[in-house]
């Protein structure tokens, strides 16, 4: 597999979901944000808990991991941190769920 960039677009992420691609989709926002709006298929693992809970990701170490947050800042930090931990295929969904609600699914409320 070729070297993946640190970011992936919302359109590329949607293609992965639609095609049933083998990847792990992670939401690194906080529980209250997740309760407000979420993308189906993503698992919640808040950035504030990732260091304590990184073992939960061990089974995904060799898989493509796409992380999203609200605007893409936290997910970019998480993707960079995961790459430092050996998760070489971690990517941040650029623009986060905010851009997702604008470009992919307008039924998702923006906040």
N, C-alpha and C. Protein backbone atom coordinates (compact mmCIF):
# COMPACT_ATOMS: atom_id res chain seq x y z
N UNK A 1 0.84 -1.19 0.00
CA UNK A 1 0.00 0.00 0.00
C UNK A 1 0.88 1.24 0.00
N UNK A 2 0.50 2.21 -0.81
CA UNK A 2 1.28 3.43 -0.88
C UNK A 2 1.11 4.24 0.40
N UNK A 3 2.04 5.13 0.61
CA UNK A 3 2.02 6.00 1.79
C UNK A 3 0.77 6.86 1.78
N UNK A 4 0.00 6.78 2.84
CA UNK A 4 -1.21 7.59 2.94
C UNK A 4 -0.86 8.97 3.48
N UNK A 5 -1.50 9.99 2.91
CA UNK A 5 -1.34 11.34 3.45
C UNK A 5 -1.97 11.42 4.83
N UNK A 6 -1.67 12.47 5.54
CA UNK A 6 -2.19 12.62 6.90
C UNK A 6 -3.68 12.95 6.91
N UNK A 7 -4.18 13.50 5.78
CA UNK A 7 -5.60 13.86 5.73
C UNK A 7 -6.31 13.15 4.58
N UNK A 8 -7.60 12.95 4.77
CA UNK A 8 -8.48 12.36 3.77
C UNK A 8 -9.71 13.26 3.69
N UNK A 9 -10.28 13.41 2.51
CA UNK A 9 -11.44 14.29 2.37
C UNK A 9 -12.72 13.59 2.83
N UNK A 10 -13.77 14.39 3.06
CA UNK A 10 -15.06 13.80 3.42
C UNK A 10 -15.59 12.95 2.27
N UNK A 11 -15.37 13.38 1.04
CA UNK A 11 -15.84 12.61 -0.13
C UNK A 11 -15.14 11.26 -0.21
N UNK A 12 -13.83 11.25 0.04
CA UNK A 12 -13.08 9.98 0.02
C UNK A 12 -13.54 9.06 1.16
N UNK A 13 -13.82 9.66 2.32
CA UNK A 13 -14.31 8.86 3.45
C UNK A 13 -15.66 8.25 3.13
N UNK A 14 -16.55 9.04 2.53
CA UNK A 14 -17.87 8.55 2.14
C UNK A 14 -17.72 7.40 1.14
N UNK A 15 -16.79 7.50 0.20
CA UNK A 15 -16.55 6.42 -0.75
C UNK A 15 -16.11 5.15 -0.03
N UNK A 16 -15.24 5.28 0.97
CA UNK A 16 -14.80 4.12 1.75
C UNK A 16 -16.00 3.45 2.42
N UNK A 17 -16.86 4.26 3.05
CA UNK A 17 -18.04 3.73 3.72
C UNK A 17 -18.97 3.04 2.73
N UNK A 18 -19.25 3.71 1.62
CA UNK A 18 -20.18 3.17 0.63
C UNK A 18 -19.68 1.89 -0.01
N UNK A 19 -18.37 1.76 -0.17
CA UNK A 19 -17.80 0.59 -0.84
C UNK A 19 -17.57 -0.58 0.12
N UNK A 20 -17.81 -0.34 1.42
CA UNK A 20 -17.57 -1.40 2.40
C UNK A 20 -16.09 -1.69 2.61
N UNK A 21 -15.26 -0.70 2.37
CA UNK A 21 -13.81 -0.86 2.52
C UNK A 21 -13.46 -1.28 3.96
N UNK A 22 -12.36 -1.99 4.09
CA UNK A 22 -11.90 -2.43 5.41
C UNK A 22 -11.10 -1.31 6.06
N UNK A 23 -11.78 -0.54 6.88
CA UNK A 23 -11.09 0.51 7.63
C UNK A 23 -11.83 0.74 8.94
N UNK A 24 -11.13 1.37 9.89
CA UNK A 24 -11.73 1.68 11.18
C UNK A 24 -12.04 3.17 11.21
N UNK A 25 -13.30 3.50 11.49
CA UNK A 25 -13.78 4.88 11.48
C UNK A 25 -13.97 5.32 12.93
N UNK A 26 -13.25 6.35 13.31
CA UNK A 26 -13.21 6.78 14.71
C UNK A 26 -13.58 8.25 14.86
N UNK A 27 -14.42 8.53 15.82
CA UNK A 27 -14.84 9.89 16.16
C UNK A 27 -14.10 10.26 17.44
N UNK A 28 -13.28 11.31 17.40
CA UNK A 28 -12.51 11.67 18.59
C UNK A 28 -13.09 12.87 19.33
N UNK A 29 -14.36 13.20 19.03
CA UNK A 29 -15.01 14.29 19.77
C UNK A 29 -15.40 13.79 21.16
N UNK A 30 -16.00 14.66 21.94
CA UNK A 30 -16.43 14.29 23.29
C UNK A 30 -17.85 13.72 23.27
N UNK A 31 -18.21 13.04 24.35
CA UNK A 31 -19.51 12.36 24.43
C UNK A 31 -20.69 13.30 24.14
N UNK A 32 -20.65 14.54 24.68
CA UNK A 32 -21.79 15.45 24.46
C UNK A 32 -21.93 15.83 22.99
N UNK A 33 -20.81 15.92 22.27
CA UNK A 33 -20.87 16.22 20.83
C UNK A 33 -21.44 15.02 20.07
N UNK A 34 -21.00 13.83 20.45
CA UNK A 34 -21.47 12.57 19.86
C UNK A 34 -22.98 12.42 20.07
N UNK A 35 -23.44 12.79 21.28
CA UNK A 35 -24.88 12.69 21.58
C UNK A 35 -25.69 13.65 20.70
N UNK A 36 -25.09 14.75 20.29
CA UNK A 36 -25.77 15.76 19.47
C UNK A 36 -25.88 15.32 18.01
N UNK A 37 -24.79 14.83 17.46
CA UNK A 37 -24.77 14.41 16.05
C UNK A 37 -23.61 13.44 15.85
N UNK A 38 -23.85 12.39 15.05
CA UNK A 38 -22.78 11.45 14.74
C UNK A 38 -22.93 10.90 13.33
N UNK A 39 -21.86 10.34 12.83
CA UNK A 39 -21.86 9.70 11.52
C UNK A 39 -21.96 8.20 11.74
N UNK A 40 -22.95 7.57 11.12
CA UNK A 40 -23.13 6.13 11.27
C UNK A 40 -21.86 5.40 10.83
N UNK A 41 -21.47 4.42 11.60
CA UNK A 41 -20.29 3.62 11.27
C UNK A 41 -19.06 4.03 12.04
N UNK A 42 -19.10 5.19 12.69
CA UNK A 42 -17.95 5.66 13.46
C UNK A 42 -18.10 5.25 14.92
N UNK A 43 -16.98 4.89 15.55
CA UNK A 43 -16.95 4.58 16.98
C UNK A 43 -16.39 5.78 17.72
N UNK A 44 -16.95 6.05 18.90
CA UNK A 44 -16.49 7.18 19.71
C UNK A 44 -15.30 6.77 20.58
N UNK A 45 -14.21 7.51 20.44
CA UNK A 45 -13.05 7.40 21.34
C UNK A 45 -12.52 8.82 21.51
N UNK A 46 -13.01 9.53 22.55
CA UNK A 46 -12.65 10.94 22.71
C UNK A 46 -11.15 11.18 22.79
N UNK A 47 -10.71 12.28 22.18
CA UNK A 47 -9.30 12.66 22.23
C UNK A 47 -8.81 12.75 23.67
N UNK A 48 -9.68 13.21 24.57
CA UNK A 48 -9.28 13.37 25.97
C UNK A 48 -9.00 12.04 26.66
N UNK A 49 -9.43 10.94 26.05
CA UNK A 49 -9.25 9.61 26.65
C UNK A 49 -8.31 8.71 25.85
N UNK A 50 -7.83 9.20 24.71
CA UNK A 50 -7.11 8.31 23.79
C UNK A 50 -5.84 7.71 24.39
N UNK A 51 -5.08 8.50 25.13
CA UNK A 51 -3.84 7.96 25.69
C UNK A 51 -4.12 6.83 26.67
N UNK A 52 -5.16 6.98 27.47
CA UNK A 52 -5.52 5.94 28.45
C UNK A 52 -6.14 4.72 27.79
N UNK A 53 -6.76 4.92 26.60
CA UNK A 53 -7.52 3.83 25.97
C UNK A 53 -6.91 3.34 24.66
N UNK A 54 -5.66 3.73 24.36
CA UNK A 54 -5.05 3.37 23.08
C UNK A 54 -4.99 1.85 22.88
N UNK A 55 -4.93 1.08 23.97
CA UNK A 55 -4.90 -0.39 23.84
C UNK A 55 -6.13 -0.91 23.11
N UNK A 56 -7.24 -0.19 23.19
CA UNK A 56 -8.47 -0.60 22.51
C UNK A 56 -8.30 -0.58 20.99
N UNK A 57 -7.29 0.14 20.52
CA UNK A 57 -7.06 0.26 19.08
C UNK A 57 -6.05 -0.76 18.56
N UNK A 58 -5.45 -1.53 19.46
CA UNK A 58 -4.38 -2.46 19.08
C UNK A 58 -4.78 -3.37 17.91
N UNK A 59 -6.01 -3.86 17.90
CA UNK A 59 -6.44 -4.77 16.83
C UNK A 59 -6.56 -4.06 15.48
N UNK A 60 -6.50 -2.73 15.49
CA UNK A 60 -6.61 -1.96 14.25
C UNK A 60 -5.25 -1.40 13.79
N UNK A 61 -4.18 -1.82 14.47
CA UNK A 61 -2.86 -1.21 14.22
C UNK A 61 -2.43 -1.30 12.75
N UNK A 62 -2.75 -2.38 12.08
CA UNK A 62 -2.32 -2.56 10.69
C UNK A 62 -3.41 -2.18 9.68
N UNK A 63 -4.51 -1.63 10.17
CA UNK A 63 -5.61 -1.25 9.28
C UNK A 63 -5.57 0.24 8.98
N UNK A 64 -6.31 0.61 7.97
CA UNK A 64 -6.54 2.02 7.66
C UNK A 64 -7.47 2.56 8.74
N UNK A 65 -7.10 3.66 9.36
CA UNK A 65 -7.92 4.29 10.39
C UNK A 65 -8.23 5.71 9.94
N UNK A 66 -9.52 6.06 9.92
CA UNK A 66 -9.93 7.43 9.59
C UNK A 66 -10.55 8.02 10.86
N UNK A 67 -10.04 9.16 11.28
CA UNK A 67 -10.48 9.82 12.51
C UNK A 67 -11.17 11.13 12.14
N UNK A 68 -12.29 11.40 12.78
CA UNK A 68 -12.92 12.71 12.55
C UNK A 68 -13.28 13.37 13.87
N UNK A 69 -13.42 14.70 13.80
CA UNK A 69 -13.86 15.49 14.95
C UNK A 69 -14.83 16.53 14.42
N UNK A 70 -14.91 17.69 15.05
CA UNK A 70 -15.85 18.73 14.64
C UNK A 70 -15.38 19.44 13.37
N UNK A 71 -14.16 20.00 13.40
CA UNK A 71 -13.65 20.76 12.25
C UNK A 71 -12.36 20.19 11.66
N UNK A 72 -11.79 19.17 12.27
CA UNK A 72 -10.58 18.56 11.72
C UNK A 72 -9.30 18.84 12.48
N UNK A 73 -9.34 19.69 13.49
CA UNK A 73 -8.14 20.01 14.26
C UNK A 73 -7.74 18.91 15.23
N UNK A 74 -8.69 18.46 16.03
CA UNK A 74 -8.39 17.40 17.00
C UNK A 74 -8.04 16.10 16.29
N UNK A 75 -8.80 15.78 15.23
CA UNK A 75 -8.53 14.52 14.53
C UNK A 75 -7.14 14.53 13.89
N UNK A 76 -6.68 15.70 13.45
CA UNK A 76 -5.34 15.81 12.89
C UNK A 76 -4.30 15.52 13.98
N UNK A 77 -4.51 16.06 15.18
CA UNK A 77 -3.60 15.79 16.29
C UNK A 77 -3.61 14.31 16.66
N UNK A 78 -4.80 13.71 16.68
CA UNK A 78 -4.91 12.29 17.03
C UNK A 78 -4.23 11.43 15.96
N UNK A 79 -4.44 11.75 14.69
CA UNK A 79 -3.80 10.99 13.61
C UNK A 79 -2.27 11.07 13.72
N UNK A 80 -1.76 12.27 13.99
CA UNK A 80 -0.31 12.43 14.13
C UNK A 80 0.19 11.62 15.33
N UNK A 81 -0.52 11.67 16.44
CA UNK A 81 -0.11 10.94 17.64
C UNK A 81 -0.16 9.43 17.39
N UNK A 82 -1.22 8.96 16.74
CA UNK A 82 -1.31 7.54 16.45
C UNK A 82 -0.18 7.08 15.54
N UNK A 83 0.18 7.90 14.56
CA UNK A 83 1.30 7.53 13.69
C UNK A 83 2.59 7.40 14.50
N UNK A 84 2.76 8.27 15.49
CA UNK A 84 3.94 8.18 16.36
C UNK A 84 3.93 6.88 17.18
N UNK A 85 2.73 6.34 17.41
CA UNK A 85 2.59 5.10 18.17
C UNK A 85 2.67 3.86 17.27
N UNK A 86 2.89 4.08 15.97
CA UNK A 86 3.04 2.96 15.05
C UNK A 86 1.81 2.65 14.20
N UNK A 87 0.79 3.50 14.29
CA UNK A 87 -0.41 3.32 13.47
C UNK A 87 -0.18 4.09 12.16
N UNK A 88 0.53 3.46 11.23
CA UNK A 88 1.04 4.17 10.05
C UNK A 88 -0.05 4.56 9.06
N UNK A 89 -1.25 3.96 9.18
CA UNK A 89 -2.31 4.26 8.23
C UNK A 89 -3.41 5.14 8.84
N UNK A 90 -3.08 5.86 9.91
CA UNK A 90 -4.06 6.77 10.53
C UNK A 90 -4.18 8.04 9.70
N UNK A 91 -5.42 8.46 9.44
CA UNK A 91 -5.69 9.69 8.69
C UNK A 91 -6.77 10.49 9.37
N UNK A 92 -6.69 11.81 9.21
CA UNK A 92 -7.70 12.72 9.72
C UNK A 92 -8.64 13.10 8.59
N UNK A 93 -9.96 13.07 8.87
CA UNK A 93 -10.93 13.50 7.88
C UNK A 93 -10.97 15.03 7.90
N UNK A 94 -10.44 15.63 6.84
CA UNK A 94 -10.32 17.09 6.76
C UNK A 94 -11.68 17.76 6.84
N UNK A 95 -11.78 18.78 7.71
CA UNK A 95 -13.02 19.53 7.86
C UNK A 95 -14.00 18.96 8.85
N UNK A 96 -13.80 17.71 9.23
CA UNK A 96 -14.62 17.09 10.26
C UNK A 96 -16.09 16.95 9.90
N UNK A 97 -16.88 16.71 10.94
CA UNK A 97 -18.32 16.48 10.76
C UNK A 97 -19.02 17.75 10.27
N UNK A 98 -18.39 18.91 10.47
CA UNK A 98 -18.98 20.16 9.98
C UNK A 98 -19.02 20.17 8.45
N UNK A 99 -17.92 19.82 7.82
CA UNK A 99 -17.87 19.76 6.36
C UNK A 99 -18.72 18.58 5.86
N UNK A 100 -18.71 17.46 6.62
CA UNK A 100 -19.56 16.31 6.27
C UNK A 100 -21.02 16.77 6.15
N UNK A 101 -21.49 17.56 7.11
CA UNK A 101 -22.90 18.00 7.10
C UNK A 101 -23.18 18.97 5.95
N UNK A 102 -22.15 19.66 5.47
CA UNK A 102 -22.32 20.59 4.34
C UNK A 102 -22.24 19.89 2.99
N UNK A 103 -21.34 18.90 2.87
CA UNK A 103 -21.07 18.31 1.56
C UNK A 103 -21.67 16.91 1.36
N UNK A 104 -21.88 16.16 2.45
CA UNK A 104 -22.30 14.76 2.32
C UNK A 104 -23.73 14.54 2.79
N UNK A 105 -24.04 14.99 4.00
CA UNK A 105 -25.35 14.71 4.60
C UNK A 105 -25.89 15.94 5.31
N UNK A 106 -26.71 16.69 4.59
CA UNK A 106 -27.23 17.96 5.12
C UNK A 106 -28.25 17.76 6.26
N UNK A 107 -28.65 16.49 6.52
CA UNK A 107 -29.57 16.25 7.63
C UNK A 107 -28.82 16.28 8.97
N UNK A 108 -27.49 16.24 8.93
CA UNK A 108 -26.70 16.28 10.17
C UNK A 108 -26.65 17.73 10.66
N UNK A 109 -27.14 17.99 11.87
CA UNK A 109 -27.12 19.37 12.37
C UNK A 109 -25.70 19.88 12.57
N UNK A 110 -25.50 21.14 12.24
CA UNK A 110 -24.21 21.80 12.47
C UNK A 110 -24.25 22.49 13.81
N UNK A 111 -23.09 22.61 14.42
CA UNK A 111 -23.01 23.30 15.73
C UNK A 111 -21.71 24.06 15.82
